[in-house]
Protein backbone atom coordinates (compact mmCIF):
# COMPACT_ATOMS: atom_id res chain seq x y z
CA UNK A 1 7.24 -7.47 15.70
CA UNK A 2 7.03 -11.02 15.00
CA UNK A 3 5.24 -10.70 11.87
CA UNK A 4 7.58 -8.50 10.19
CA UNK A 5 8.31 -11.91 7.94
CA UNK A 6 4.70 -12.44 7.14
CA UNK A 7 4.52 -8.67 5.73
CA UNK A 8 7.54 -9.30 3.85
CA UNK A 9 6.34 -12.32 2.10
CA UNK A 10 2.83 -10.95 1.12
CA UNK A 11 4.83 -7.88 -0.47
CA UNK A 12 7.05 -9.88 -2.68
CA UNK A 13 4.14 -11.75 -3.51
CA UNK A 14 2.32 -8.16 -4.42
CA UNK A 15 4.99 -6.83 -6.40
CA UNK A 16 5.12 -10.71 -8.76
CA UNK A 17 1.42 -10.42 -8.58
CA UNK A 18 1.69 -6.72 -10.69
CA UNK A 19 4.00 -8.16 -13.14
CA UNK A 20 2.16 -11.07 -13.56
CA UNK A 21 -1.23 -9.46 -13.97
CA UNK A 22 0.06 -7.21 -16.97
CA UNK A 23 2.16 -9.54 -18.73
CA UNK A 24 -0.69 -10.04 -21.58
CA UNK A 25 -0.90 -6.18 -22.44
CA UNK A 26 0.71 -5.67 -25.45
CA UNK A 27 0.27 -1.71 -26.24
CA UNK A 28 1.46 1.05 -23.56
CA UNK A 29 -2.73 2.34 -23.52
CA UNK A 30 -3.15 -1.32 -22.59
CA UNK A 31 -0.16 -1.43 -19.66
CA UNK A 32 -1.64 2.13 -18.42
CA UNK A 33 -4.76 1.21 -17.87
CA UNK A 34 -3.42 -2.04 -16.30
CA UNK A 35 -1.32 -0.66 -13.95
CA UNK A 36 -4.47 1.59 -12.88
CA UNK A 37 -6.30 -0.92 -12.16
CA UNK A 38 -3.72 -2.34 -10.16
CA UNK A 39 -3.35 0.46 -8.27
CA UNK A 40 -7.25 1.10 -7.69
CA UNK A 41 -7.14 -2.64 -6.34
CA UNK A 42 -4.56 -1.91 -3.94
CA UNK A 43 -5.74 1.32 -2.71
CA UNK A 44 -9.19 -0.24 -2.11
CA UNK A 45 -7.60 -3.20 0.17
CA UNK A 46 -5.76 -0.44 1.86
CA UNK A 47 -8.67 1.22 2.87
CA UNK A 48 -10.42 -1.51 3.81
CA UNK A 49 -7.38 -2.40 6.36
CA UNK A 50 -7.30 1.51 7.63
CA UNK A 51 -10.68 1.46 8.41
CA UNK A 52 -10.14 -2.13 10.48
CA UNK A 53 -6.97 -0.40 12.03
CA UNK A 54 -8.60 2.99 12.57
CA UNK A 55 -11.75 1.26 14.32
CA UNK A 56 -9.26 -1.09 16.42
CA UNK A 57 -7.48 2.11 17.84
CA UNK A 58 -8.30 3.69 21.01
CA UNK A 59 -8.93 7.31 21.99
CA UNK A 60 -6.10 9.81 21.18
CA UNK A 61 -4.66 6.93 18.47
CA UNK A 62 -6.93 7.23 16.44
CA UNK A 63 -6.55 10.56 15.90
CA UNK A 64 -2.18 9.27 15.53
CA UNK A 65 -3.28 6.97 12.95
CA UNK A 66 -4.90 9.61 10.73
CA UNK A 67 -2.40 12.07 10.74
CA UNK A 68 0.37 9.18 10.18
CA UNK A 69 -1.88 7.74 6.96
CA UNK A 70 -2.18 11.61 5.99
CA UNK A 71 1.42 11.97 5.56
CA UNK A 72 2.19 8.94 4.65
CA UNK A 73 -0.31 9.64 1.18
CA UNK A 74 1.73 12.57 1.10
CA UNK A 75 5.06 10.91 1.01
CA UNK A 76 3.94 8.16 -1.14
CA UNK A 77 2.36 10.46 -3.54
CA UNK A 78 5.72 12.59 -3.89
CA UNK A 79 7.57 9.91 -3.68
CA UNK A 80 6.07 8.17 -6.98
CA UNK A 81 5.58 11.86 -8.80
CA UNK A 82 9.48 11.70 -8.26
CA UNK A 83 10.26 8.37 -9.88
CA UNK A 84 7.82 8.77 -12.65
CA UNK A 85 9.35 12.17 -13.36
CA UNK A 86 11.99 10.63 -15.60
CA UNK A 87 9.33 9.76 -18.23
CA UNK A 88 7.63 13.27 -18.18
CA UNK A 89 5.82 13.46 -21.04
CA UNK A 90 6.15 9.96 -22.26
CA UNK A 91 3.15 7.99 -22.85
CA UNK A 92 5.09 5.38 -19.93
CA UNK A 93 4.73 7.86 -17.41
CA UNK A 94 1.67 7.18 -16.25
CA UNK A 95 2.28 3.13 -16.43
CA UNK A 96 5.48 4.39 -13.93
CA UNK A 97 3.74 6.22 -11.71
CA UNK A 98 0.55 3.54 -11.18
CA UNK A 99 3.06 1.15 -10.43
CA UNK A 100 4.91 3.20 -7.59
CA UNK A 101 1.42 4.26 -6.38
CA UNK A 102 0.12 0.23 -6.30
CA UNK A 103 3.91 -1.05 -4.49
CA UNK A 104 4.04 1.46 -1.98
CA UNK A 105 -0.39 0.67 -1.43
CA UNK A 106 0.46 -2.62 -1.27
CA UNK A 107 3.46 -1.86 1.39
CA UNK A 108 1.25 0.00 3.62
CA UNK A 109 -1.76 -2.21 3.80
CA UNK A 110 0.95 -5.35 4.34
CA UNK A 111 2.42 -3.14 7.77
CA UNK A 112 -1.05 -1.78 8.91
CA UNK A 113 -2.15 -5.69 8.18
CA UNK A 114 0.51 -6.68 10.57
CA UNK A 115 -0.92 -4.14 13.24
CA UNK A 116 -4.33 -5.98 13.01
CA UNK A 117 -2.65 -9.15 14.19
CA UNK A 118 -1.40 -7.90 17.80
CA UNK A 119 -0.73 -10.56 20.61
CA UNK A 120 -1.91 -9.95 23.72
CA UNK A 121 1.39 -8.22 25.63
CA UNK A 122 3.25 -7.17 22.13
CA UNK A 123 4.00 -3.50 23.64
CA UNK A 124 5.47 -2.58 20.42
CA UNK A 125 2.22 -2.96 18.81
CA UNK A 126 0.09 -0.08 19.10
CA UNK A 127 -3.10 -1.41 18.45
CA UNK A 128 -5.20 -3.87 21.48
CA UNK A 129 -5.53 -7.53 20.04
CA UNK A 130 -8.47 -9.01 18.42
CA UNK A 131 -11.24 -9.91 20.53
């Protein structure tokens, strides 16, 4: 895909934004709250992009996209539970899990966003071009 480099740049910027936003937090509770807010913001953006992609998908593609998204959510949640398992029971665990959720959610949003930019004739892109 021609737009893959754009998605990688967006991913890099989102990861550094996560670190920057919590730089002034001074307690674990503040860090946990900050990372939870970052995850919520990333999830909101993903939901908007997913809804736009779903609307643009045609016929059976909608069900395929829905199944792919549900499978991705299951994988993301399992991956982040595993990542957080090293801090089980500790006050840092919510921060670790939220950072993971935010990062993976931003990655997924960037990928879906590239699908929204399909060009006419790009057979590797399943969504029709925007009108």
